[in-house]
Amino acid sequence: MRYACLIYCDPKRAFDGSVESNAILSQVGPFEATLKERGVFVMGLPLTLPNEAMTITVRDGKTSVTDGPFMETKEVLGGLVLLEASDLNEAVQLASGMPFAKLGAIEVRPLVDFSKPRPRL
């Protein structure tokens, strides 16, 4: 099954040029290579900073476009990694090794399996 690992971090902390953040960032490439060697890495997608984003909403047939996302938090979605894992526990174990977990947070979510019924809320 596939799992999306959504990477959240404070860009001011992640890219502040400190010895700590530079050391953590230098681990990203080797960690990705390890995931590839294990055959669990599907793809990774880093995102630009929110100031380059646009947020679109459509309400009552009217489209609204605004600069960036609306947030009150310092942590932003910085990218995602798509993994192939046997279950959520394995995906969480794999994600816990991601270097960005030391700078922010990793949210692990299963991808929707359209062969199963839709979730009921």
PDB file of N, CA and C in Angstrom:
ATOM      1  N   MET A   1       0.846  -1.176   0.000  1.00  0.00           N
ATOM      2  CA  MET A   1       0.000   0.000   0.000  1.00  0.00           C
ATOM      3  C   MET A   1       0.892   1.239   0.000  1.00  0.00           C
ATOM      4  N   ARG A   2       0.374   2.307  -0.566  1.00  0.00           N
ATOM      5  CA  ARG A   2       1.155   3.546  -0.636  1.00  0.00           C
ATOM      6  C   ARG A   2       0.731   4.534   0.447  1.00  0.00           C
ATOM      7  N   TYR A   3       1.735   5.262   0.938  1.00  0.00           N
ATOM      8  CA  TYR A   3       1.536   6.235   2.008  1.00  0.00           C
ATOM      9  C   TYR A   3       2.219   7.551   1.632  1.00  0.00           C
ATOM     10  N   ALA A   4       1.505   8.641   1.869  1.00  0.00           N
ATOM     11  CA  ALA A   4       2.066   9.972   1.669  1.00  0.00           C
ATOM     12  C   ALA A   4       2.648  10.444   2.989  1.00  0.00           C
ATOM     13  N   CYS A   5       3.884  10.860   2.959  1.00  0.00           N
ATOM     14  CA  CYS A   5       4.538  11.440   4.128  1.00  0.00           C
ATOM     15  C   CYS A   5       4.626  12.938   3.862  1.00  0.00           C
ATOM     16  N   LEU A   6       3.760  13.696   4.535  1.00  0.00           N
ATOM     17  CA  LEU A   6       3.697  15.136   4.346  1.00  0.00           C
ATOM     18  C   LEU A   6       4.687  15.789   5.303  1.00  0.00           C
ATOM     19  N   ILE A   7       5.587  16.569   4.756  1.00  0.00           N
ATOM     20  CA  ILE A   7       6.687  17.141   5.532  1.00  0.00           C
ATOM     21  C   ILE A   7       6.372  18.595   5.870  1.00  0.00           C
ATOM     22  N   TYR A   8       6.281  18.876   7.162  1.00  0.00           N
ATOM     23  CA  TYR A   8       6.016  20.232   7.649  1.00  0.00           C
ATOM     24  C   TYR A   8       7.241  20.738   8.392  1.00  0.00           C
ATOM     25  N   CYS A   9       7.589  21.986   8.162  1.00  0.00           N
ATOM     26  CA  CYS A   9       8.694  22.580   8.908  1.00  0.00           C
ATOM     27  C   CYS A   9       8.577  24.102   8.867  1.00  0.00           C
ATOM     28  N   ASP A  10       9.310  24.727   9.754  1.00  0.00           N
ATOM     29  CA  ASP A  10       9.439  26.184   9.768  1.00  0.00           C
ATOM     30  C   ASP A  10      10.625  26.517   8.865  1.00  0.00           C
ATOM     31  N   PRO A  11      10.387  27.124   7.702  1.00  0.00           N
ATOM     32  CA  PRO A  11      11.496  27.401   6.777  1.00  0.00           C
ATOM     33  C   PRO A  11      12.590  28.267   7.403  1.00  0.00           C
ATOM     34  N   LYS A  12      12.203  29.147   8.310  1.00  0.00           N
ATOM     35  CA  LYS A  12      13.210  29.999   8.955  1.00  0.00           C
ATOM     36  C   LYS A  12      14.172  29.172   9.794  1.00  0.00           C
ATOM     37  N   ARG A  13      13.678  28.076  10.342  1.00  0.00           N
ATOM     38  CA  ARG A  13      14.555  27.193  11.122  1.00  0.00           C
ATOM     39  C   ARG A  13      15.300  26.231  10.203  1.00  0.00           C
ATOM     40  N   ALA A  14      14.585  25.671   9.229  1.00  0.00           N
ATOM     41  CA  ALA A  14      15.199  24.669   8.354  1.00  0.00           C
ATOM     42  C   ALA A  14      16.309  25.244   7.486  1.00  0.00           C
ATOM     43  N   PHE A  15      16.159  26.487   7.087  1.00  0.00           N
ATOM     44  CA  PHE A  15      17.122  27.082   6.152  1.00  0.00           C
ATOM     45  C   PHE A  15      17.849  28.280   6.754  1.00  0.00           C
ATOM     46  N   ASP A  16      18.070  28.228   8.074  1.00  0.00           N
ATOM     47  CA  ASP A  16      18.730  29.351   8.750  1.00  0.00           C
ATOM     48  C   ASP A  16      20.249  29.343   8.617  1.00  0.00           C
ATOM     49  N   GLY A  17      20.799  28.304   8.008  1.00  0.00           N
ATOM     50  CA  GLY A  17      22.244  28.230   7.803  1.00  0.00           C
ATOM     51  C   GLY A  17      23.008  27.773   9.030  1.00  0.00           C
ATOM     52  N   SER A  18      22.297  27.376  10.079  1.00  0.00           N
ATOM     53  CA  SER A  18      22.987  26.928  11.298  1.00  0.00           C
ATOM     54  C   SER A  18      23.667  25.588  11.055  1.00  0.00           C
ATOM     55  N   VAL A  19      24.622  25.274  11.906  1.00  0.00           N
ATOM     56  CA  VAL A  19      25.324  23.997  11.811  1.00  0.00           C
ATOM     57  C   VAL A  19      24.314  22.849  11.926  1.00  0.00           C
ATOM     58  N   GLU A  20      23.354  22.975  12.860  1.00  0.00           N
ATOM     59  CA  GLU A  20      22.361  21.921  13.070  1.00  0.00           C
ATOM     60  C   GLU A  20      21.502  21.710  11.827  1.00  0.00           C
ATOM     61  N   SER A  21      20.928  22.786  11.291  1.00  0.00           N
ATOM     62  CA  SER A  21      20.040  22.620  10.138  1.00  0.00           C
ATOM     63  C   SER A  21      20.817  22.151   8.909  1.00  0.00           C
ATOM     64  N   ASN A  22      22.010  22.658   8.699  1.00  0.00           N
ATOM     65  CA  ASN A  22      22.810  22.206   7.558  1.00  0.00           C
ATOM     66  C   ASN A  22      23.160  20.722   7.674  1.00  0.00           C
ATOM     67  N   ALA A  23      23.448  20.265   8.896  1.00  0.00           N
ATOM     68  CA  ALA A  23      23.762  18.854   9.101  1.00  0.00           C
ATOM     69  C   ALA A  23      22.549  17.984   8.787  1.00  0.00           C
ATOM     70  N   ILE A  24      21.376  18.424   9.228  1.00  0.00           N
ATOM     71  CA  ILE A  24      20.153  17.666   8.973  1.00  0.00           C
ATOM     72  C   ILE A  24      19.832  17.665   7.478  1.00  0.00           C
ATOM     73  N   LEU A  25      19.927  18.824   6.826  1.00  0.00           N
ATOM     74  CA  LEU A  25      19.640  18.897   5.392  1.00  0.00           C
ATOM     75  C   LEU A  25      20.597  18.032   4.584  1.00  0.00           C
ATOM     76  N   SER A  26      21.832  17.901   5.040  1.00  0.00           N
ATOM     77  CA  SER A  26      22.800  17.077   4.308  1.00  0.00           C
ATOM     78  C   SER A  26      22.461  15.594   4.385  1.00  0.00           C
ATOM     79  N   GLN A  27      21.571  15.203   5.298  1.00  0.00           N
ATOM     80  CA  GLN A  27      21.171  13.805   5.445  1.00  0.00           C
ATOM     81  C   GLN A  27      20.021  13.414   4.514  1.00  0.00           C
ATOM     82  N   VAL A  28      19.364  14.400   3.901  1.00  0.00           N
ATOM     83  CA  VAL A  28      18.171  14.112   3.092  1.00  0.00           C
ATOM     84  C   VAL A  28      18.510  13.215   1.904  1.00  0.00           C
ATOM     85  N   GLY A  29      19.508  13.571   1.119  1.00  0.00           N
ATOM     86  CA  GLY A  29      19.888  12.775  -0.060  1.00  0.00           C
ATOM     87  C   GLY A  29      20.272  11.348   0.283  1.00  0.00           C
ATOM     88  N   PRO A  30      21.175  11.155   1.251  1.00  0.00           N
ATOM     89  CA  PRO A  30      21.530   9.778   1.622  1.00  0.00           C
ATOM     90  C   PRO A  30      20.345   8.972   2.162  1.00  0.00           C
ATOM     91  N   PHE A  31      19.446   9.615   2.910  1.00  0.00           N
ATOM     92  CA  PHE A  31      18.284   8.891   3.424  1.00  0.00           C
ATOM     93  C   PHE A  31      17.379   8.464   2.271  1.00  0.00           C
ATOM     94  N   GLU A  32      17.177   9.354   1.301  1.00  0.00           N
ATOM     95  CA  GLU A  32      16.369   9.005   0.126  1.00  0.00           C
ATOM     96  C   GLU A  32      17.001   7.832  -0.626  1.00  0.00           C
ATOM     97  N   ALA A  33      18.316   7.848  -0.739  1.00  0.00           N
ATOM     98  CA  ALA A  33      19.012   6.742  -1.418  1.00  0.00           C
ATOM     99  C   ALA A  33      18.782   5.425  -0.679  1.00  0.00           C
ATOM    100  N   THR A  34      18.773   5.456   0.641  1.00  0.00           N
ATOM    101  CA  THR A  34      18.509   4.260   1.437  1.00  0.00           C
ATOM    102  C   THR A  34      17.099   3.735   1.181  1.00  0.00           C
ATOM    103  N   LEU A  35      16.123   4.653   1.137  1.00  0.00           N
ATOM    104  CA  LEU A  35      14.749   4.242   0.843  1.00  0.00           C
ATOM    105  C   LEU A  35      14.653   3.610  -0.544  1.00  0.00           C
ATOM    106  N   LYS A  36      15.373   4.181  -1.516  1.00  0.00           N
ATOM    107  CA  LYS A  36      15.368   3.622  -2.873  1.00  0.00           C
ATOM    108  C   LYS A  36      15.973   2.226  -2.883  1.00  0.00           C
ATOM    109  N   GLU A  37      17.086   2.054  -2.166  1.00  0.00           N
ATOM    110  CA  GLU A  37      17.744   0.741  -2.100  1.00  0.00           C
ATOM    111  C   GLU A  37      16.815  -0.310  -1.496  1.00  0.00           C
ATOM    112  N   ARG A  38      16.003   0.090  -0.524  1.00  0.00           N
ATOM    113  CA  ARG A  38      15.067  -0.835   0.128  1.00  0.00           C
ATOM    114  C   ARG A  38      13.833  -1.091  -0.727  1.00  0.00           C
ATOM    115  N   GLY A  39      13.650  -0.311  -1.806  1.00  0.00           N
ATOM    116  CA  GLY A  39      12.517  -0.498  -2.702  1.00  0.00           C
ATOM    117  C   GLY A  39      11.207   0.065  -2.180  1.00  0.00           C
ATOM    118  N   VAL A  40      11.278   1.015  -1.232  1.00  0.00           N
ATOM    119  CA  VAL A  40      10.057   1.587  -0.656  1.00  0.00           C
ATOM    120  C   VAL A  40       9.796   3.012  -1.117  1.00  0.00           C
ATOM    121  N   PHE A  41      10.774   3.630  -1.754  1.00  0.00           N
ATOM    122  CA  PHE A  41      10.634   5.011  -2.225  1.00  0.00           C
ATOM    123  C   PHE A  41       9.916   5.016  -3.568  1.00  0.00           C
ATOM    124  N   VAL A  42       8.801   5.748  -3.647  1.00  0.00           N
ATOM    125  CA  VAL A  42       8.072   5.877  -4.906  1.00  0.00           C
ATOM    126  C   VAL A  42       8.433   7.202  -5.560  1.00  0.00           C
ATOM    127  N   MET A  43       8.337   8.291  -4.789  1.00  0.00           N
ATOM    128  CA  MET A  43       8.707   9.607  -5.319  1.00  0.00           C
ATOM    129  C   MET A  43       8.779  10.615  -4.183  1.00  0.00           C
ATOM    130  N   GLY A  44       9.479  11.698  -4.429  1.00  0.00           N
ATOM    131  CA  GLY A  44       9.550  12.805  -3.487  1.00  0.00           C
ATOM    132  C   GLY A  44       9.288  14.103  -4.229  1.00  0.00           C
ATOM    133  N   LEU A  45       8.547  15.009  -3.582  1.00  0.00           N
ATOM    134  CA  LEU A  45       8.195  16.272  -4.219  1.00  0.00           C
ATOM    135  C   LEU A  45       8.428  17.430  -3.254  1.00  0.00           C
ATOM    136  N   PRO A  46       9.559  18.105  -3.371  1.00  0.00           N
ATOM    137  CA  PRO A  46       9.756  19.294  -2.540  1.00  0.00           C
ATOM    138  C   PRO A  46       8.931  20.454  -3.097  1.00  0.00           C
ATOM    139  N   LEU A  47       8.425  21.292  -2.207  1.00  0.00           N
ATOM    140  CA  LEU A  47       7.611  22.439  -2.612  1.00  0.00           C
ATOM    141  C   LEU A  47       8.382  23.742  -2.393  1.00  0.00           C
ATOM    142  N   THR A  48       8.058  24.748  -3.180  1.00  0.00           N
ATOM    143  CA  THR A  48       8.619  26.073  -2.940  1.00  0.00           C
ATOM    144  C   THR A  48       7.957  26.654  -1.692  1.00  0.00           C
ATOM    145  N   LEU A  49       8.442  27.777  -1.239  1.00  0.00           N
ATOM    146  CA  LEU A  49       7.883  28.418  -0.046  1.00  0.00           C
ATOM    147  C   LEU A  49       6.492  28.975  -0.333  1.00  0.00           C
ATOM    148  N   PRO A  50       5.674  29.134   0.709  1.00  0.00           N
ATOM    149  CA  PRO A  50       4.285  29.584   0.521  1.00  0.00           C
ATOM    150  C   PRO A  50       4.131  30.932  -0.172  1.00  0.00           C
ATOM    151  N   ASN A  51       5.137  31.788  -0.107  1.00  0.00           N
ATOM    152  CA  ASN A  51       4.997  33.090  -0.765  1.00  0.00           C
ATOM    153  C   ASN A  51       4.902  32.966  -2.282  1.00  0.00           C
ATOM    154  N   GLU A  52       5.189  31.781  -2.824  1.00  0.00           N
ATOM    155  CA  GLU A  52       5.051  31.541  -4.262  1.00  0.00           C
ATOM    156  C   GLU A  52       3.747  30.817  -4.601  1.00  0.00           C
ATOM    157  N   ALA A  53       2.911  30.580  -3.590  1.00  0.00           N
ATOM    158  CA  ALA A  53       1.681  29.815  -3.783  1.00  0.00           C
ATOM    159  C   ALA A  53       0.488  30.731  -4.013  1.00  0.00           C
ATOM    160  N   MET A  54      -0.559  30.139  -4.550  1.00  0.00           N
ATOM    161  CA  MET A  54      -1.855  30.800  -4.705  1.00  0.00           C
ATOM    162  C   MET A  54      -2.894  29.858  -4.114  1.00  0.00           C
ATOM    163  N   THR A  55      -3.878  30.424  -3.430  1.00  0.00           N
ATOM    164  CA  THR A  55      -4.974  29.637  -2.874  1.00  0.00           C
ATOM    165  C   THR A  55      -6.242  29.977  -3.642  1.00  0.00           C
ATOM    166  N   ILE A  56      -6.931  28.951  -4.113  1.00  0.00           N
ATOM    167  CA  ILE A  56      -8.126  29.124  -4.935  1.00  0.00           C
ATOM    168  C   ILE A  56      -9.313  28.513  -4.201  1.00  0.00           C
ATOM    169  N   THR A  57     -10.387  29.263  -4.132  1.00  0.00           N
ATOM    170  CA  THR A  57     -11.650  28.742  -3.604  1.00  0.00           C
ATOM    171  C   THR A  57     -12.758  29.080  -4.586  1.00  0.00           C
ATOM    172  N   VAL A  58     -13.750  28.201  -4.647  1.00  0.00           N
ATOM    173  CA  VAL A  58     -14.930  28.449  -5.468  1.00  0.00           C
ATOM    174  C   VAL A  58     -16.142  28.270  -4.561  1.00  0.00           C
ATOM    175  N   ARG A  59     -16.906  29.343  -4.385  1.00  0.00           N
ATOM    176  CA  ARG A  59     -18.114  29.320  -3.558  1.00  0.00           C
ATOM    177  C   ARG A  59     -19.253  29.953  -4.350  1.00  0.00           C
ATOM    178  N   ASP A  60     -20.363  29.251  -4.411  1.00  0.00           N
ATOM    179  CA  ASP A  60     -21.537  29.742  -5.130  1.00  0.00           C
ATOM    180  C   ASP A  60     -21.185  30.159  -6.555  1.00  0.00           C
ATOM    181  N   GLY A  61     -20.300  29.399  -7.196  1.00  0.00           N
ATOM    182  CA  GLY A  61     -19.930  29.670  -8.579  1.00  0.00           C
ATOM    183  C   GLY A  61     -18.923  30.790  -8.762  1.00  0.00           C
ATOM    184  N   LYS A  62     -18.458  31.394  -7.673  1.00  0.00           N
ATOM    185  CA  LYS A  62     -17.488  32.495  -7.760  1.00  0.00           C
ATOM    186  C   LYS A  62     -16.114  32.007  -7.334  1.00  0.00           C
ATOM    187  N   THR A  63     -15.135  32.286  -8.184  1.00  0.00           N
ATOM    188  CA  THR A  63     -13.758  31.892  -7.906  1.00  0.00           C
ATOM    189  C   THR A  63     -13.021  33.036  -7.220  1.00  0.00           C
ATOM    190  N   SER A  64     -12.300  32.684  -6.181  1.00  0.00           N
ATOM    191  CA  SER A  64     -11.471  33.650  -5.459  1.00  0.00           C
ATOM    192  C   SER A  64     -10.038  33.126  -5.457  1.00  0.00           C
ATOM    193  N   VAL A  65      -9.094  33.978  -5.807  1.00  0.00           N
ATOM    194  CA  VAL A  65      -7.681  33.609  -5.822  1.00  0.00           C
ATOM    195  C   VAL A  65      -6.930  34.597  -4.928  1.00  0.00           C
ATOM    196  N   THR A  66      -6.174  34.057  -3.980  1.00  0.00           N
ATOM    197  CA  THR A  66      -5.381  34.898  -3.088  1.00  0.00           C
ATOM    198  C   THR A  66      -3.939  34.419  -3.072  1.00  0.00           C
ATOM    199  N   ASP A  67      -3.045  35.316  -2.721  1.00  0.00           N
ATOM    200  CA  ASP A  67      -1.635  34.960  -2.607  1.00  0.00           C
ATOM    201  C   ASP A  67      -1.425  34.072  -1.394  1.00  0.00           C
ATOM    202  N   GLY A  68      -0.648  33.016  -1.593  1.00  0.00           N
ATOM    203  CA  GLY A  68      -0.238  32.156  -0.492  1.00  0.00           C
ATOM    204  C   GLY A  68      -1.373  31.481   0.231  1.00  0.00           C
ATOM    205  N   PRO A  69      -1.022  30.617   1.166  1.00  0.00           N
ATOM    206  CA  PRO A  69      -2.047  29.960   1.986  1.00  0.00           C
ATOM    207  C   PRO A  69      -2.394  30.824   3.188  1.00  0.00           C
ATOM    208  N   PHE A  70      -3.544  30.578   3.764  1.00  0.00           N
ATOM    209  CA  PHE A  70      -3.913  31.235   5.010  1.00  0.00           C
ATOM    210  C   PHE A  70      -3.410  30.368   6.148  1.00  0.00           C
ATOM    211  N   MET A  71      -2.500  30.895   6.958  1.00  0.00           N
ATOM    212  CA  MET A  71      -1.943  30.122   8.057  1.00  0.00           C
ATOM    213  C   MET A  71      -1.631  31.023   9.229  1.00  0.00           C
ATOM    214  N   GLU A  72      -1.741  30.448  10.399  1.00  0.00           N
ATOM    215  CA  GLU A  72      -1.312  31.148  11.598  1.00  0.00           C
ATOM    216  C   GLU A  72      -0.140  30.429  12.239  1.00  0.00           C
ATOM    217  N   THR A  73       0.336  29.393  11.612  1.00  0.00           N
ATOM    218  CA  THR A  73       1.436  28.617  12.148  1.00  0.00           C
ATOM    219  C   THR A  73       2.710  28.939  11.396  1.00  0.00           C
ATOM    220  N   LYS A  74       3.833  28.721  12.028  1.00  0.00           N
ATOM    221  CA  LYS A  74       5.117  28.947  11.372  1.00  0.00           C
ATOM    222  C   LYS A  74       5.495  27.776  10.480  1.00  0.00           C
ATOM    223  N   GLU A  75       4.984  26.590  10.815  1.00  0.00           N
ATOM    224  CA  GLU A  75       5.315  25.415  10.024  1.00  0.00           C
ATOM    225  C   GLU A  75       4.442  25.357   8.776  1.00  0.00           C
ATOM    226  N   VAL A  76       5.063  25.047   7.668  1.00  0.00           N
ATOM    227  CA  VAL A  76       4.365  24.978   6.388  1.00  0.00           C
ATOM    228  C   VAL A  76       4.626  23.626   5.746  1.00  0.00           C
ATOM    229  N   LEU A  77       3.755  23.252   4.818  1.00  0.00           N
ATOM    230  CA  LEU A  77       3.954  22.032   4.050  1.00  0.00           C
ATOM    231  C   LEU A  77       5.128  22.269   3.111  1.00  0.00           C
ATOM    232  N   GLY A  78       6.199  21.539   3.319  1.00  0.00           N
ATOM    233  CA  GLY A  78       7.409  21.743   2.539  1.00  0.00           C
ATOM    234  C   GLY A  78       7.595  20.739   1.426  1.00  0.00           C
ATOM    235  N   GLY A  79       6.830  19.668   1.467  1.00  0.00           N
ATOM    236  CA  GLY A  79       6.959  18.658   0.433  1.00  0.00           C
ATOM    237  C   GLY A  79       6.328  17.362   0.874  1.00  0.00           C
ATOM    238  N   LEU A  80       6.465  16.355   0.032  1.00  0.00           N
ATOM    239  CA  LEU A  80       5.943  15.048   0.396  1.00  0.00           C
ATOM    240  C   LEU A  80       6.812  13.968  -0.198  1.00  0.00           C
ATOM    241  N   VAL A  81       6.783  12.843   0.454  1.00  0.00           N
ATOM    242  CA  VAL A  81       7.463  11.648  -0.022  1.00  0.00           C
ATOM    243  C   VAL A  81       6.411  10.560  -0.086  1.00  0.00           C
ATOM    244  N   LEU A  82       6.372   9.849  -1.185  1.00  0.00           N
ATOM    245  CA  LEU A  82       5.436   8.756  -1.364  1.00  0.00           C
ATOM    246  C   LEU A  82       6.191   7.448  -1.152  1.00  0.00           C
ATOM    247  N   LEU A  83       5.689   6.638  -0.207  1.00  0.00           N
ATOM    248  CA  LEU A  83       6.346   5.373   0.137  1.00  0.00           C
ATOM    249  C   LEU A  83       5.429   4.195  -0.156  1.00  0.00           C
ATOM    250  N   GLU A  84       6.030   3.069  -0.402  1.00  0.00           N
ATOM    251  CA  GLU A  84       5.326   1.793  -0.516  1.00  0.00           C
ATOM    252  C   GLU A  84       5.656   1.024   0.755  1.00  0.00           C
ATOM    253  N   ALA A  85       4.635   0.681   1.546  1.00  0.00           N
ATOM    254  CA  ALA A  85       4.847  -0.039   2.800  1.00  0.00           C
ATOM    255  C   ALA A  85       3.747  -1.079   2.986  1.00  0.00           C
ATOM    256  N   SER A  86       4.043  -2.068   3.803  1.00  0.00           N
ATOM    257  CA  SER A  86       3.082  -3.146   4.015  1.00  0.00           C
ATOM    258  C   SER A  86       1.880  -2.681   4.830  1.00  0.00           C
ATOM    259  N   ASP A  87       2.097  -1.723   5.738  1.00  0.00           N
ATOM    260  CA  ASP A  87       1.008  -1.205   6.555  1.00  0.00           C
ATOM    261  C   ASP A  87       1.412   0.146   7.150  1.00  0.00           C
ATOM    262  N   LEU A  88       0.483   0.755   7.875  1.00  0.00           N
ATOM    263  CA  LEU A  88       0.741   2.077   8.452  1.00  0.00           C
ATOM    264  C   LEU A  88       1.910   2.047   9.425  1.00  0.00           C
ATOM    265  N   ASN A  89       2.031   0.971  10.183  1.00  0.00           N
ATOM    266  CA  ASN A  89       3.143   0.891  11.143  1.00  0.00           C
ATOM    267  C   ASN A  89       4.492   0.925  10.443  1.00  0.00           C
ATOM    268  N   GLU A  90       4.620   0.210   9.336  1.00  0.00           N
ATOM    269  CA  GLU A  90       5.880   0.239   8.590  1.00  0.00           C
ATOM    270  C   GLU A  90       6.121   1.628   8.003  1.00  0.00           C
ATOM    271  N   ALA A  91       5.068   2.254   7.482  1.00  0.00           N
ATOM    272  CA  ALA A  91       5.214   3.596   6.918  1.00  0.00           C
ATOM    273  C   ALA A  91       5.667   4.593   7.989  1.00  0.00           C
ATOM    274  N   VAL A  92       5.098   4.490   9.176  1.00  0.00           N
ATOM    275  CA  VAL A  92       5.501   5.379  10.287  1.00  0.00           C
ATOM    276  C   VAL A  92       6.953   5.115  10.664  1.00  0.00           C
ATOM    277  N   GLN A  93       7.338   3.849  10.712  1.00  0.00           N
ATOM    278  CA  GLN A  93       8.728   3.508  11.037  1.00  0.00           C
ATOM    279  C   GLN A  93       9.686   4.098  10.010  1.00  0.00           C
ATOM    280  N   LEU A  94       9.334   3.990   8.732  1.00  0.00           N
ATOM    281  CA  LEU A  94      10.175   4.557   7.679  1.00  0.00           C
ATOM    282  C   LEU A  94      10.234   6.077   7.796  1.00  0.00           C
ATOM    283  N   ALA A  95       9.083   6.709   8.004  1.00  0.00           N
ATOM    284  CA  ALA A  95       9.026   8.172   8.088  1.00  0.00           C
ATOM    285  C   ALA A  95       9.774   8.704   9.301  1.00  0.00           C
ATOM    286  N   SER A  96       9.844   7.925  10.361  1.00  0.00           N
ATOM    287  CA  SER A  96      10.540   8.400  11.564  1.00  0.00           C
ATOM    288  C   SER A  96      12.029   8.601  11.321  1.00  0.00           C
ATOM    289  N   GLY A  97      12.544   7.996  10.277  1.00  0.00           N
ATOM    290  CA  GLY A  97      13.952   8.189   9.941  1.00  0.00           C
ATOM    291  C   GLY A  97      14.220   9.386   9.052  1.00  0.00           C
ATOM    292  N   MET A  98      13.174  10.044   8.586  1.00  0.00           N
ATOM    293  CA  MET A  98      13.358  11.186   7.695  1.00  0.00           C
ATOM    294  C   MET A  98      14.044  12.337   8.436  1.00  0.00           C
ATOM    295  N   PRO A  99      15.093  12.887   7.851  1.00  0.00           N
ATOM    296  CA  PRO A  99      15.811  13.982   8.520  1.00  0.00           C
ATOM    297  C   PRO A  99      14.916  15.154   8.902  1.00  0.00           C
ATOM    298  N   PHE A 100      13.917  15.476   8.085  1.00  0.00           N
ATOM    299  CA  PHE A 100      13.058  16.617   8.395  1.00  0.00           C
ATOM    300  C   PHE A 100      12.221  16.401   9.654  1.00  0.00           C
ATOM    301  N   ALA A 101      12.109  15.167  10.126  1.00  0.00           N
ATOM    302  CA  ALA A 101      11.404  14.923  11.389  1.00  0.00           C
ATOM    303  C   ALA A 101      12.132  15.614  12.544  1.00  0.00           C
ATOM    304  N   LYS A 102      13.432  15.883  12.376  1.00  0.00           N
ATOM    305  CA  LYS A 102      14.222  16.570  13.404  1.00  0.00           C
ATOM    306  C   LYS A 102      14.024  18.079  13.359  1.00  0.00           C
ATOM    307  N   LEU A 103      13.510  18.590  12.248  1.00  0.00           N
ATOM    308  CA  LEU A 103      13.301  20.034  12.089  1.00  0.00           C
ATOM    309  C   LEU A 103      11.835  20.427  12.157  1.00  0.00           C
ATOM    310  N   GLY A 104      10.953  19.474  11.973  1.00  0.00           N
ATOM    311  CA  GLY A 104       9.526  19.780  11.932  1.00  0.00           C
ATOM    312  C   GLY A 104       8.726  18.553  12.264  1.00  0.00           C
ATOM    313  N   ALA A 105       7.779  18.210  11.396  1.00  0.00           N
ATOM    314  CA  ALA A 105       6.910  17.061  11.630  1.00  0.00           C
ATOM    315  C   ALA A 105       6.615  16.354  10.312  1.00  0.00           C
ATOM    316  N   ILE A 106       6.393  15.064  10.404  1.00  0.00           N
ATOM    317  CA  ILE A 106       6.021  14.255   9.247  1.00  0.00           C
ATOM    318  C   ILE A 106       4.636  13.674   9.528  1.00  0.00           C
ATOM    319  N   GLU A 107       3.690  13.962   8.658  1.00  0.00           N
ATOM    320  CA  GLU A 107       2.353  13.382   8.768  1.00  0.00           C
ATOM    321  C   GLU A 107       2.271  12.242   7.766  1.00  0.00           C
ATOM    322  N   VAL A 108       1.917  11.051   8.244  1.00  0.00           N
ATOM    323  CA  VAL A 108       1.839   9.876   7.380  1.00  0.00           C
ATOM    324  C   VAL A 108       0.370   9.536   7.165  1.00  0.00           C
ATOM    325  N   ARG A 109      -0.029   9.471   5.888  1.00  0.00           N
ATOM    326  CA  ARG A 109      -1.418   9.144   5.545  1.00  0.00           C
ATOM    327  C   ARG A 109      -1.467   8.106   4.452  1.00  0.00           C
ATOM    328  N   PRO A 110      -2.329   7.111   4.619  1.00  0.00           N
ATOM    329  CA  PRO A 110      -2.526   6.156   3.532  1.00  0.00           C
ATOM    330  C   PRO A 110      -3.200   6.843   2.345  1.00  0.00           C
ATOM    331  N   LEU A 111      -2.850   6.430   1.144  1.00  0.00           N
ATOM    332  CA  LEU A 111      -3.543   6.928  -0.035  1.00  0.00           C
ATOM    333  C   LEU A 111      -4.877   6.199  -0.144  1.00  0.00           C
ATOM    334  N   VAL A 112      -5.837   6.830  -0.760  1.00  0.00           N
ATOM    335  CA  VAL A 112      -7.163   6.254  -0.900  1.00  0.00           C
ATOM    336  C   VAL A 112      -7.104   5.057  -1.845  1.00  0.00           C
ATOM    337  N   ASP A 113      -7.727   3.988  -1.420  1.00  0.00           N
ATOM    338  CA  ASP A 113      -7.883   2.803  -2.254  1.00  0.00           C
ATOM    339  C   ASP A 113      -9.292   2.867  -2.839  1.00  0.00           C
ATOM    340  N   PHE A 114      -9.407   3.236  -4.105  1.00  0.00           N
ATOM    341  CA  PHE A 114     -10.712   3.429  -4.736  1.00  0.00           C
ATOM    342  C   PHE A 114     -11.465   2.122  -4.958  1.00  0.00           C
ATOM    343  N   SER A 115     -10.826   0.992  -4.708  1.00  0.00           N
ATOM    344  CA  SER A 115     -11.543  -0.274  -4.825  1.00  0.00           C
ATOM    345  C   SER A 115     -12.388  -0.557  -3.579  1.00  0.00           C
ATOM    346  N   LYS A 116     -12.204   0.260  -2.543  1.00  0.00           N
ATOM    347  CA  LYS A 116     -12.965   0.095  -1.299  1.00  0.00           C
ATOM    348  C   LYS A 116     -14.053   1.182  -1.225  1.00  0.00           C
ATOM    349  N   PRO A 117     -15.080   0.943  -0.417  1.00  0.00           N
ATOM    350  CA  PRO A 117     -16.136   1.967  -0.283  1.00  0.00           C
ATOM    351  C   PRO A 117     -15.580   3.277   0.269  1.00  0.00           C
ATOM    352  N   ARG A 118     -16.238   4.373  -0.074  1.00  0.00           N
ATOM    353  CA  ARG A 118     -15.833   5.685   0.440  1.00  0.00           C
ATOM    354  C   ARG A 118     -15.994   5.730   1.956  1.00  0.00           C
ATOM    355  N   PRO A 119     -15.160   6.542   2.611  1.00  0.00           N
ATOM    356  CA  PRO A 119     -15.312   6.644   4.063  1.00  0.00           C
ATOM    357  C   PRO A 119     -16.631   7.314   4.423  1.00  0.00           C
ATOM    358  N   ARG A 120     -17.199   6.920   5.540  1.00  0.00           N
ATOM    359  CA  ARG A 120     -18.428   7.530   6.042  1.00  0.00           C
ATOM    360  C   ARG A 120     -18.053   8.379   7.234  1.00  0.00           C
ATOM    361  N   LEU A 121     -18.528   9.601   7.228  1.00  0.00           N
ATOM    362  CA  LEU A 121     -18.235  10.501   8.340  1.00  0.00           C
ATOM    363  C   LEU A 121     -19.402  10.605   9.282  1.00  0.00           C
TER     364      LEU A 121
END
